[in-house]
Amino acid sequence: MPACPCRFCAGPLEPVQEFRFLVETATLDEPAHLSRIRALPSAAGRPLAVCKGCQGRIATHPARFRAALARDAARHEVRAGVLTAVGLLSVGWMVAALFGDV
């Protein structure tokens, strides 16, 4: 089973941190149980895979954590927009190739 990389430094997680992430991810549908065991930082109600060093930095500098999450979300939105545009262009080209001779 491949190791989960840290969300912020991309380093490998310690086995304990990886286990915590997998347990918290598996219990997302049980909010009462998740609130008792939550040990990892979360974004939008989902736990983040972070190493012990990054988790310590998040605890000491929460403003940097929120800024890093905002940058990551913006990057994800741009990536999703580009993939959507490429998909629509591909479908358009395929339709034009199929019905272009008609």
Foldseek 3Di string as FASTA:
>chain_A
DDFDAAPPPRHGADPVLRVLLVVLQVCLVPVVVNVVSDDADDDPSHGGRHHPVVRVVCVVCVVVVVVVVVVVVVVVVVVVVVVVVVVVVVVVVVVCVVPVVD
